[in-house]
Amino acid sequence: MGPAEVTRPPVLDEGSLTAAQQEVFDAIRSGPRGLVEGPLRVWLHSPALAEPAQRLGAFCRYGTRLPARLSELAIITVGAHWRSGFEWHVHAPIAQRAGIAAEAIEAIRTGGTPTLTQPDERAVYDFCRELLETRQVSDPAYEMAVRRIGLEAVVELVGLLGYYTLISMTINAFRVPVPPGASEPF
């Protein structure tokens, strides 16, 4: 590939997919997401990465013990941490529809401290912020999260944070833009 062909984000020609790319593309499109966009299109340049990553993503988004309200809270916390515009653009509206207050969403976007009145929301947010910002989780935050959502859900929460960190890193490294007409949130 010559220097003139190097682009960010890389272009994925849906008409010229390899058999391996087509298989993953079809699996994503026929799954719960219904479309292949953003970082998933980047991953398809390596179908060996795209296939297990998209399966993990489907579980993290749709299969954990976390209710949508809590998983979307965690997702937007990761998106804001990484200042990942595409991720924020997709998930902030979902978080609001799932029950996270618009004021809390805006505080998370701008780096403020959100007012979260539900104890499970506060436990999840504090856990996420500590892990993202300090790379550790204090005993009080860990104990509160386990008490509020259970150990299995905390294990899944860490997986969700890791997965959406991968998503956000992909978006940022390959400069995946927000959709045309949308404003860059960061």
N, C-alpha and C. Protein backbone atom coordinates (compact mmCIF):
# COMPACT_ATOMS: atom_id res chain seq x y z
N MET A 1 0.85 -1.18 0.00
CA MET A 1 0.00 0.00 0.00
C MET A 1 0.89 1.23 0.00
N GLY A 2 0.73 2.11 -0.97
CA GLY A 2 1.54 3.32 -1.06
C GLY A 2 1.08 4.39 -0.10
N PRO A 3 1.91 5.40 0.13
CA PRO A 3 1.58 6.45 1.09
C PRO A 3 0.29 7.20 0.76
N ALA A 4 -0.05 7.33 -0.52
CA ALA A 4 -1.26 8.05 -0.90
C ALA A 4 -2.52 7.30 -0.48
N GLU A 5 -2.40 5.99 -0.22
CA GLU A 5 -3.56 5.18 0.10
C GLU A 5 -3.80 5.03 1.60
N VAL A 6 -2.92 5.59 2.41
CA VAL A 6 -3.05 5.47 3.86
C VAL A 6 -4.07 6.50 4.33
N THR A 7 -5.18 6.02 4.87
CA THR A 7 -6.23 6.92 5.34
C THR A 7 -6.67 6.53 6.74
N ARG A 8 -7.19 7.51 7.44
CA ARG A 8 -7.84 7.27 8.74
C ARG A 8 -9.19 7.94 8.69
N PRO A 9 -10.27 7.21 8.96
CA PRO A 9 -10.28 5.76 9.15
C PRO A 9 -9.99 5.05 7.84
N PRO A 10 -9.48 3.82 7.94
CA PRO A 10 -9.24 3.07 6.71
C PRO A 10 -10.56 2.77 6.00
N VAL A 11 -10.52 2.76 4.69
CA VAL A 11 -11.72 2.52 3.89
C VAL A 11 -11.97 1.02 3.80
N LEU A 12 -13.20 0.63 4.04
CA LEU A 12 -13.59 -0.78 3.89
C LEU A 12 -14.53 -0.86 2.69
N ASP A 13 -14.06 -1.50 1.64
CA ASP A 13 -14.85 -1.66 0.43
C ASP A 13 -15.71 -2.92 0.59
N GLU A 14 -16.99 -2.73 0.86
CA GLU A 14 -17.89 -3.87 1.09
C GLU A 14 -18.02 -4.76 -0.14
N GLY A 15 -17.72 -4.25 -1.30
CA GLY A 15 -17.80 -5.05 -2.51
C GLY A 15 -16.58 -5.90 -2.76
N SER A 16 -15.52 -5.72 -1.98
CA SER A 16 -14.28 -6.46 -2.18
C SER A 16 -13.81 -7.18 -0.92
N LEU A 17 -14.74 -7.60 -0.09
CA LEU A 17 -14.37 -8.29 1.15
C LEU A 17 -13.83 -9.68 0.85
N THR A 18 -12.84 -10.09 1.62
CA THR A 18 -12.37 -11.48 1.52
C THR A 18 -13.45 -12.38 2.12
N ALA A 19 -13.30 -13.67 1.93
CA ALA A 19 -14.28 -14.61 2.50
C ALA A 19 -14.33 -14.47 4.02
N ALA A 20 -13.17 -14.35 4.66
CA ALA A 20 -13.13 -14.21 6.12
C ALA A 20 -13.80 -12.91 6.57
N GLN A 21 -13.52 -11.81 5.86
CA GLN A 21 -14.16 -10.53 6.18
C GLN A 21 -15.67 -10.62 6.00
N GLN A 22 -16.10 -11.25 4.90
CA GLN A 22 -17.53 -11.35 4.62
C GLN A 22 -18.24 -12.15 5.71
N GLU A 23 -17.61 -13.21 6.18
CA GLU A 23 -18.21 -14.03 7.23
C GLU A 23 -18.44 -13.21 8.51
N VAL A 24 -17.45 -12.43 8.90
CA VAL A 24 -17.59 -11.60 10.10
C VAL A 24 -18.59 -10.47 9.85
N PHE A 25 -18.50 -9.85 8.68
CA PHE A 25 -19.43 -8.78 8.31
C PHE A 25 -20.87 -9.28 8.43
N ASP A 26 -21.14 -10.44 7.87
CA ASP A 26 -22.50 -11.01 7.90
C ASP A 26 -22.92 -11.35 9.33
N ALA A 27 -21.99 -11.86 10.13
CA ALA A 27 -22.31 -12.18 11.53
C ALA A 27 -22.69 -10.92 12.31
N ILE A 28 -21.98 -9.83 12.07
CA ILE A 28 -22.30 -8.57 12.76
C ILE A 28 -23.65 -8.05 12.30
N ARG A 29 -23.85 -8.03 10.98
CA ARG A 29 -25.09 -7.47 10.44
C ARG A 29 -26.32 -8.29 10.85
N SER A 30 -26.16 -9.60 10.96
CA SER A 30 -27.32 -10.43 11.31
C SER A 30 -27.51 -10.54 12.83
N GLY A 31 -26.59 -9.98 13.61
CA GLY A 31 -26.69 -10.04 15.07
C GLY A 31 -27.52 -8.91 15.63
N PRO A 32 -27.44 -8.71 16.94
CA PRO A 32 -28.29 -7.70 17.59
C PRO A 32 -27.97 -6.26 17.18
N ARG A 33 -26.77 -6.00 16.68
CA ARG A 33 -26.43 -4.63 16.25
C ARG A 33 -27.18 -4.25 14.98
N GLY A 34 -27.25 -5.18 14.04
CA GLY A 34 -27.97 -4.95 12.79
C GLY A 34 -27.21 -4.17 11.75
N LEU A 35 -26.10 -3.55 12.09
CA LEU A 35 -25.32 -2.81 11.11
C LEU A 35 -23.85 -2.86 11.48
N VAL A 36 -23.02 -2.61 10.49
CA VAL A 36 -21.57 -2.64 10.66
C VAL A 36 -21.08 -1.22 10.50
N GLU A 37 -20.72 -0.60 11.64
CA GLU A 37 -20.31 0.80 11.59
C GLU A 37 -19.14 1.05 12.52
N GLY A 38 -18.57 2.23 12.39
CA GLY A 38 -17.55 2.71 13.31
C GLY A 38 -16.37 1.76 13.45
N PRO A 39 -16.00 1.46 14.71
CA PRO A 39 -14.81 0.64 14.94
C PRO A 39 -14.93 -0.78 14.39
N LEU A 40 -16.15 -1.29 14.25
CA LEU A 40 -16.31 -2.63 13.69
C LEU A 40 -15.81 -2.69 12.25
N ARG A 41 -16.00 -1.59 11.53
CA ARG A 41 -15.50 -1.52 10.14
C ARG A 41 -13.97 -1.53 10.12
N VAL A 42 -13.37 -0.87 11.10
CA VAL A 42 -11.90 -0.88 11.20
C VAL A 42 -11.42 -2.29 11.48
N TRP A 43 -12.04 -2.94 12.46
CA TRP A 43 -11.61 -4.29 12.82
C TRP A 43 -11.67 -5.27 11.66
N LEU A 44 -12.58 -5.06 10.74
CA LEU A 44 -12.72 -5.99 9.62
C LEU A 44 -11.47 -6.05 8.74
N HIS A 45 -10.57 -5.09 8.88
CA HIS A 45 -9.30 -5.17 8.17
C HIS A 45 -8.44 -6.31 8.73
N SER A 46 -8.81 -6.79 9.93
CA SER A 46 -8.21 -8.00 10.51
C SER A 46 -9.36 -8.89 10.97
N PRO A 47 -9.89 -9.72 10.08
CA PRO A 47 -11.03 -10.54 10.47
C PRO A 47 -10.73 -11.47 11.65
N ALA A 48 -9.46 -11.84 11.83
CA ALA A 48 -9.10 -12.70 12.97
C ALA A 48 -9.29 -11.96 14.29
N LEU A 49 -9.14 -10.65 14.30
CA LEU A 49 -9.46 -9.83 15.48
C LEU A 49 -10.96 -9.54 15.52
N ALA A 50 -11.52 -9.18 14.40
CA ALA A 50 -12.91 -8.74 14.35
C ALA A 50 -13.88 -9.80 14.85
N GLU A 51 -13.62 -11.06 14.51
CA GLU A 51 -14.58 -12.11 14.86
C GLU A 51 -14.71 -12.29 16.37
N PRO A 52 -13.65 -12.53 17.12
CA PRO A 52 -13.84 -12.69 18.57
C PRO A 52 -14.20 -11.36 19.25
N ALA A 53 -13.70 -10.25 18.73
CA ALA A 53 -14.01 -8.96 19.35
C ALA A 53 -15.49 -8.62 19.21
N GLN A 54 -16.06 -8.88 18.05
CA GLN A 54 -17.48 -8.56 17.88
C GLN A 54 -18.36 -9.48 18.72
N ARG A 55 -17.93 -10.74 18.91
CA ARG A 55 -18.70 -11.64 19.78
C ARG A 55 -18.64 -11.17 21.23
N LEU A 56 -17.44 -10.78 21.69
CA LEU A 56 -17.31 -10.24 23.03
C LEU A 56 -18.17 -8.99 23.18
N GLY A 57 -18.16 -8.13 22.17
CA GLY A 57 -18.95 -6.91 22.21
C GLY A 57 -20.44 -7.18 22.29
N ALA A 58 -20.91 -8.17 21.54
CA ALA A 58 -22.34 -8.51 21.60
C ALA A 58 -22.70 -8.96 23.01
N PHE A 59 -21.83 -9.76 23.65
CA PHE A 59 -22.09 -10.17 25.03
C PHE A 59 -22.07 -8.96 25.96
N CYS A 60 -21.04 -8.13 25.85
CA CYS A 60 -20.91 -6.98 26.76
C CYS A 60 -22.09 -6.03 26.64
N ARG A 61 -22.59 -5.86 25.45
CA ARG A 61 -23.71 -4.92 25.26
C ARG A 61 -25.06 -5.54 25.56
N TYR A 62 -25.25 -6.81 25.22
CA TYR A 62 -26.58 -7.40 25.30
C TYR A 62 -26.72 -8.59 26.24
N GLY A 63 -25.61 -9.13 26.75
CA GLY A 63 -25.70 -10.38 27.48
C GLY A 63 -25.32 -10.37 28.95
N THR A 64 -24.84 -9.26 29.46
CA THR A 64 -24.40 -9.26 30.86
C THR A 64 -25.60 -9.23 31.81
N ARG A 65 -25.33 -9.42 33.09
CA ARG A 65 -26.35 -9.33 34.13
C ARG A 65 -26.74 -7.88 34.42
N LEU A 66 -25.97 -6.95 33.91
CA LEU A 66 -26.24 -5.53 34.16
C LEU A 66 -27.48 -5.08 33.39
N PRO A 67 -28.40 -4.39 34.06
CA PRO A 67 -29.49 -3.79 33.28
C PRO A 67 -28.93 -2.73 32.34
N ALA A 68 -29.64 -2.43 31.28
CA ALA A 68 -29.18 -1.45 30.29
C ALA A 68 -28.79 -0.13 30.94
N ARG A 69 -29.53 0.30 31.93
CA ARG A 69 -29.25 1.57 32.61
C ARG A 69 -27.82 1.59 33.16
N LEU A 70 -27.40 0.47 33.76
CA LEU A 70 -26.06 0.42 34.36
C LEU A 70 -24.97 0.16 33.32
N SER A 71 -25.26 -0.69 32.35
CA SER A 71 -24.23 -0.93 31.33
C SER A 71 -24.01 0.31 30.49
N GLU A 72 -25.06 1.03 30.15
CA GLU A 72 -24.89 2.26 29.37
C GLU A 72 -24.19 3.35 30.19
N LEU A 73 -24.44 3.40 31.48
CA LEU A 73 -23.71 4.32 32.35
C LEU A 73 -22.21 4.02 32.29
N ALA A 74 -21.85 2.75 32.37
CA ALA A 74 -20.45 2.35 32.29
C ALA A 74 -19.87 2.68 30.92
N ILE A 75 -20.63 2.43 29.85
CA ILE A 75 -20.14 2.69 28.50
C ILE A 75 -19.86 4.16 28.28
N ILE A 76 -20.77 5.04 28.71
CA ILE A 76 -20.51 6.47 28.50
C ILE A 76 -19.39 6.97 29.40
N THR A 77 -19.20 6.33 30.54
CA THR A 77 -18.08 6.72 31.41
C THR A 77 -16.76 6.40 30.71
N VAL A 78 -16.67 5.24 30.07
CA VAL A 78 -15.48 4.89 29.28
C VAL A 78 -15.34 5.85 28.09
N GLY A 79 -16.43 6.09 27.38
CA GLY A 79 -16.37 6.98 26.21
C GLY A 79 -15.88 8.38 26.58
N ALA A 80 -16.35 8.91 27.70
CA ALA A 80 -15.91 10.23 28.15
C ALA A 80 -14.45 10.19 28.58
N HIS A 81 -14.07 9.13 29.28
CA HIS A 81 -12.68 9.00 29.72
C HIS A 81 -11.72 9.07 28.53
N TRP A 82 -12.06 8.37 27.45
CA TRP A 82 -11.22 8.34 26.26
C TRP A 82 -11.52 9.49 25.30
N ARG A 83 -12.53 10.30 25.62
CA ARG A 83 -12.96 11.38 24.74
C ARG A 83 -13.18 10.83 23.32
N SER A 84 -13.95 9.78 23.29
CA SER A 84 -14.23 9.03 22.07
C SER A 84 -15.57 9.49 21.50
N GLY A 85 -15.51 10.39 20.55
CA GLY A 85 -16.71 11.04 20.04
C GLY A 85 -17.73 10.10 19.43
N PHE A 86 -17.27 9.17 18.59
CA PHE A 86 -18.21 8.25 17.96
C PHE A 86 -18.91 7.42 19.02
N GLU A 87 -18.16 6.91 19.99
CA GLU A 87 -18.76 6.09 21.05
C GLU A 87 -19.78 6.90 21.83
N TRP A 88 -19.43 8.12 22.17
CA TRP A 88 -20.35 8.99 22.90
C TRP A 88 -21.60 9.26 22.08
N HIS A 89 -21.40 9.56 20.81
CA HIS A 89 -22.54 9.86 19.93
C HIS A 89 -23.53 8.70 19.90
N VAL A 90 -23.03 7.49 19.85
CA VAL A 90 -23.91 6.31 19.79
C VAL A 90 -24.57 6.06 21.15
N HIS A 91 -23.80 6.12 22.24
CA HIS A 91 -24.30 5.60 23.51
C HIS A 91 -24.95 6.63 24.45
N ALA A 92 -24.64 7.90 24.33
CA ALA A 92 -25.28 8.88 25.23
C ALA A 92 -26.81 8.87 25.08
N PRO A 93 -27.34 8.85 23.86
CA PRO A 93 -28.81 8.78 23.73
C PRO A 93 -29.38 7.47 24.28
N ILE A 94 -28.65 6.37 24.11
CA ILE A 94 -29.11 5.09 24.64
C ILE A 94 -29.13 5.13 26.16
N ALA A 95 -28.10 5.73 26.75
CA ALA A 95 -28.04 5.86 28.22
C ALA A 95 -29.23 6.67 28.73
N GLN A 96 -29.58 7.74 28.04
CA GLN A 96 -30.72 8.55 28.48
C GLN A 96 -32.02 7.76 28.35
N ARG A 97 -32.20 7.05 27.24
CA ARG A 97 -33.41 6.23 27.08
C ARG A 97 -33.47 5.13 28.12
N ALA A 98 -32.31 4.65 28.57
CA ALA A 98 -32.27 3.58 29.57
C ALA A 98 -32.52 4.09 30.99
N GLY A 99 -32.55 5.42 31.17
CA GLY A 99 -32.89 5.96 32.48
C GLY A 99 -31.84 6.79 33.17
N ILE A 100 -30.72 7.06 32.52
CA ILE A 100 -29.71 7.94 33.11
C ILE A 100 -30.12 9.39 32.78
N ALA A 101 -30.16 10.22 33.82
CA ALA A 101 -30.62 11.60 33.66
C ALA A 101 -29.73 12.39 32.71
N ALA A 102 -30.34 13.25 31.91
CA ALA A 102 -29.59 14.08 30.95
C ALA A 102 -28.52 14.91 31.65
N GLU A 103 -28.82 15.42 32.85
CA GLU A 103 -27.84 16.24 33.58
C GLU A 103 -26.63 15.40 33.99
N ALA A 104 -26.87 14.16 34.38
CA ALA A 104 -25.76 13.27 34.75
C ALA A 104 -24.92 12.94 33.51
N ILE A 105 -25.57 12.71 32.40
CA ILE A 105 -24.86 12.41 31.15
C ILE A 105 -23.97 13.59 30.76
N GLU A 106 -24.50 14.78 30.86
CA GLU A 106 -23.72 15.97 30.51
C GLU A 106 -22.54 16.16 31.48
N ALA A 107 -22.75 15.91 32.76
CA ALA A 107 -21.66 16.02 33.74
C ALA A 107 -20.55 15.02 33.40
N ILE A 108 -20.93 13.81 33.01
CA ILE A 108 -19.93 12.81 32.64
C ILE A 108 -19.18 13.27 31.39
N ARG A 109 -19.89 13.79 30.42
CA ARG A 109 -19.25 14.25 29.18
C ARG A 109 -18.23 15.34 29.45
N THR A 110 -18.54 16.25 30.34
CA THR A 110 -17.67 17.40 30.58
C THR A 110 -16.64 17.18 31.69
N GLY A 111 -16.59 15.96 32.24
CA GLY A 111 -15.61 15.66 33.27
C GLY A 111 -16.03 16.04 34.67
N GLY A 112 -17.29 16.41 34.84
CA GLY A 112 -17.80 16.74 36.16
C GLY A 112 -18.23 15.49 36.92
N THR A 113 -18.78 15.72 38.09
CA THR A 113 -19.29 14.62 38.91
C THR A 113 -20.80 14.57 38.75
N PRO A 114 -21.32 13.49 38.20
CA PRO A 114 -22.76 13.41 37.99
C PRO A 114 -23.52 13.20 39.29
N THR A 115 -24.72 13.74 39.34
CA THR A 115 -25.63 13.45 40.45
C THR A 115 -26.38 12.18 40.07
N LEU A 116 -26.10 11.12 40.80
CA LEU A 116 -26.75 9.84 40.55
C LEU A 116 -27.48 9.45 41.83
N THR A 117 -28.80 9.39 41.76
CA THR A 117 -29.60 9.16 42.97
C THR A 117 -29.81 7.69 43.30
N GLN A 118 -29.67 6.82 42.30
CA GLN A 118 -29.86 5.39 42.54
C GLN A 118 -28.56 4.80 43.11
N PRO A 119 -28.64 4.07 44.22
CA PRO A 119 -27.41 3.51 44.81
C PRO A 119 -26.63 2.60 43.86
N ASP A 120 -27.32 1.83 43.01
CA ASP A 120 -26.57 0.97 42.08
C ASP A 120 -25.85 1.80 41.03
N GLU A 121 -26.45 2.90 40.59
CA GLU A 121 -25.78 3.78 39.63
C GLU A 121 -24.53 4.39 40.25
N ARG A 122 -24.62 4.87 41.48
CA ARG A 122 -23.47 5.47 42.15
C ARG A 122 -22.37 4.43 42.31
N ALA A 123 -22.73 3.20 42.69
CA ALA A 123 -21.74 2.15 42.89
C ALA A 123 -21.02 1.83 41.58
N VAL A 124 -21.77 1.69 40.50
CA VAL A 124 -21.18 1.38 39.20
C VAL A 124 -20.30 2.53 38.72
N TYR A 125 -20.80 3.75 38.83
CA TYR A 125 -20.02 4.91 38.37
C TYR A 125 -18.72 5.05 39.16
N ASP A 126 -18.80 4.95 40.48
CA ASP A 126 -17.60 5.09 41.30
C ASP A 126 -16.58 4.01 40.97
N PHE A 127 -17.04 2.78 40.80
CA PHE A 127 -16.16 1.67 40.42
C PHE A 127 -15.47 1.97 39.09
N CYS A 128 -16.27 2.37 38.10
CA CYS A 128 -15.73 2.66 36.77
C CYS A 128 -14.72 3.80 36.81
N ARG A 129 -15.08 4.88 37.44
CA ARG A 129 -14.18 6.05 37.50
C ARG A 129 -12.87 5.69 38.18
N GLU A 130 -12.95 4.99 39.30
CA GLU A 130 -11.71 4.62 39.99
C GLU A 130 -10.83 3.75 39.10
N LEU A 131 -11.40 2.75 38.49
CA LEU A 131 -10.60 1.85 37.67
C LEU A 131 -10.00 2.58 36.47
N LEU A 132 -10.79 3.42 35.82
CA LEU A 132 -10.30 4.15 34.66
C LEU A 132 -9.25 5.20 35.04
N GLU A 133 -9.48 5.91 36.12
CA GLU A 133 -8.59 7.03 36.46
C GLU A 133 -7.37 6.61 37.26
N THR A 134 -7.52 5.62 38.16
CA THR A 134 -6.39 5.26 39.03
C THR A 134 -5.79 3.90 38.67
N ARG A 135 -6.45 3.17 37.77
CA ARG A 135 -6.05 1.82 37.38
C ARG A 135 -6.20 0.81 38.51
N GLN A 136 -6.93 1.21 39.54
CA GLN A 136 -7.20 0.36 40.70
C GLN A 136 -8.63 0.62 41.17
N VAL A 137 -9.13 -0.23 42.06
CA VAL A 137 -10.43 0.00 42.68
C VAL A 137 -10.22 -0.15 44.19
N SER A 138 -10.61 0.87 44.91
CA SER A 138 -10.45 0.85 46.37
C SER A 138 -11.37 -0.21 46.99
N ASP A 139 -11.04 -0.63 48.19
CA ASP A 139 -11.89 -1.60 48.89
C ASP A 139 -13.32 -1.07 49.05
N PRO A 140 -13.52 0.19 49.47
CA PRO A 140 -14.92 0.66 49.61
C PRO A 140 -15.70 0.63 48.29
N ALA A 141 -15.08 1.04 47.19
CA ALA A 141 -15.78 1.04 45.90
C ALA A 141 -16.07 -0.39 45.44
N TYR A 142 -15.11 -1.29 45.64
CA TYR A 142 -15.30 -2.68 45.27
C TYR A 142 -16.41 -3.32 46.08
N GLU A 143 -16.35 -3.13 47.38
CA GLU A 143 -17.37 -3.72 48.27
C GLU A 143 -18.76 -3.17 47.95
N MET A 144 -18.86 -1.88 47.68
CA MET A 144 -20.16 -1.30 47.36
C MET A 144 -20.70 -1.87 46.05
N ALA A 145 -19.84 -2.00 45.06
CA ALA A 145 -20.29 -2.56 43.78
C ALA A 145 -20.77 -4.00 43.95
N VAL A 146 -20.01 -4.82 44.68
CA VAL A 146 -20.41 -6.21 44.87
C VAL A 146 -21.72 -6.27 45.64
N ARG A 147 -21.88 -5.43 46.65
CA ARG A 147 -23.14 -5.43 47.42
C ARG A 147 -24.33 -5.00 46.57
N ARG A 148 -24.14 -4.01 45.71
CA ARG A 148 -25.25 -3.45 44.93
C ARG A 148 -25.62 -4.28 43.71
N ILE A 149 -24.62 -4.84 43.01
CA ILE A 149 -24.95 -5.54 41.76
C ILE A 149 -24.52 -7.01 41.75
N GLY A 150 -23.75 -7.44 42.71
CA GLY A 150 -23.33 -8.84 42.78
C GLY A 150 -21.98 -9.07 42.12
N LEU A 151 -21.29 -10.10 42.59
CA LEU A 151 -19.94 -10.39 42.10
C LEU A 151 -19.92 -10.72 40.61
N GLU A 152 -20.86 -11.54 40.14
CA GLU A 152 -20.86 -11.90 38.72
C GLU A 152 -21.01 -10.65 37.85
N ALA A 153 -21.88 -9.75 38.25
CA ALA A 153 -22.08 -8.51 37.47
C ALA A 153 -20.84 -7.62 37.54
N VAL A 154 -20.12 -7.62 38.67
CA VAL A 154 -18.88 -6.83 38.76
C VAL A 154 -17.82 -7.41 37.82
N VAL A 155 -17.72 -8.73 37.75
CA VAL A 155 -16.79 -9.36 36.81
C VAL A 155 -17.15 -8.94 35.39
N GLU A 156 -18.43 -9.00 35.06
CA GLU A 156 -18.88 -8.60 33.72
C GLU A 156 -18.67 -7.11 33.48
N LEU A 157 -18.82 -6.29 34.52
CA LEU A 157 -18.58 -4.85 34.40
C LEU A 157 -17.13 -4.59 34.00
N VAL A 158 -16.19 -5.29 34.61
CA VAL A 158 -14.78 -5.12 34.24
C VAL A 158 -14.57 -5.52 32.79
N GLY A 159 -15.19 -6.61 32.35
CA GLY A 159 -15.10 -7.01 30.95
C GLY A 159 -15.67 -5.95 30.02
N LEU A 160 -16.81 -5.38 30.41
CA LEU A 160 -17.43 -4.31 29.62
C LEU A 160 -16.50 -3.11 29.52
N LEU A 161 -15.88 -2.73 30.64
CA LEU A 161 -14.96 -1.60 30.62
C LEU A 161 -13.77 -1.87 29.70
N GLY A 162 -13.25 -3.09 29.75
CA GLY A 162 -12.15 -3.44 28.86
C GLY A 162 -12.55 -3.42 27.41
N TYR A 163 -13.71 -3.98 27.11
CA TYR A 163 -14.19 -4.01 25.73
C TYR A 163 -14.40 -2.60 25.19
N TYR A 164 -15.06 -1.74 25.96
CA TYR A 164 -15.32 -0.39 25.46
C TYR A 164 -14.08 0.49 25.49
N THR A 165 -13.06 0.09 26.24
CA THR A 165 -11.75 0.74 26.10
C THR A 165 -11.16 0.37 24.75
N LEU A 166 -11.25 -0.91 24.36
CA LEU A 166 -10.79 -1.33 23.04
C LEU A 166 -11.54 -0.57 21.94
N ILE A 167 -12.85 -0.47 22.08
CA ILE A 167 -13.66 0.28 21.12
C ILE A 167 -13.17 1.73 21.03
N SER A 168 -13.02 2.37 22.18
CA SER A 168 -12.63 3.79 22.21
C SER A 168 -11.22 3.98 21.66
N MET A 169 -10.31 3.07 21.98
CA MET A 169 -8.95 3.17 21.44
C MET A 169 -8.97 3.02 19.92
N THR A 170 -9.80 2.13 19.41
CA THR A 170 -9.91 1.95 17.96
C THR A 170 -10.44 3.22 17.32
N ILE A 171 -11.48 3.78 17.90
CA ILE A 171 -12.07 5.02 17.37
C ILE A 171 -11.02 6.12 17.34
N ASN A 172 -10.27 6.26 18.43
CA ASN A 172 -9.30 7.35 18.51
C ASN A 172 -8.08 7.11 17.62
N ALA A 173 -7.56 5.88 17.60
CA ALA A 173 -6.37 5.59 16.81
C ALA A 173 -6.63 5.73 15.31
N PHE A 174 -7.82 5.35 14.88
CA PHE A 174 -8.15 5.38 13.45
C PHE A 174 -9.03 6.57 13.07
N ARG A 175 -9.23 7.47 14.03
CA ARG A 175 -10.01 8.71 13.80
C ARG A 175 -11.36 8.43 13.16
N VAL A 176 -12.10 7.51 13.77
CA VAL A 176 -13.45 7.22 13.30
C VAL A 176 -14.32 8.43 13.66
N PRO A 177 -14.87 9.10 12.67
CA PRO A 177 -15.63 10.32 12.94
C PRO A 177 -17.06 10.03 13.40
N VAL A 178 -17.65 11.04 14.02
CA VAL A 178 -19.09 10.96 14.28
C VAL A 178 -19.78 11.00 12.91
N PRO A 179 -21.01 10.51 12.82
CA PRO A 179 -21.70 10.51 11.53
C PRO A 179 -21.84 11.93 10.95
N PRO A 180 -21.94 12.02 9.63
CA PRO A 180 -22.11 13.33 9.00
C PRO A 180 -23.30 14.08 9.60
N GLY A 181 -23.09 15.35 9.88
CA GLY A 181 -24.16 16.18 10.45
C GLY A 181 -24.20 16.17 11.96
N ALA A 182 -23.51 15.25 12.60
CA ALA A 182 -23.48 15.19 14.07
C ALA A 182 -22.32 16.05 14.57
N SER A 183 -22.47 16.57 15.79
CA SER A 183 -21.42 17.39 16.39
C SER A 183 -20.46 16.52 17.17
N GLU A 184 -19.18 16.85 17.07
CA GLU A 184 -18.15 16.16 17.85
C GLU A 184 -18.35 16.56 19.31
N PRO A 185 -18.63 15.60 20.22
CA PRO A 185 -18.95 15.95 21.60
C PRO A 185 -17.77 16.38 22.46
N PHE A 186 -16.56 16.11 22.01
CA PHE A 186 -15.38 16.46 22.81
C PHE A 186 -14.51 17.44 22.09
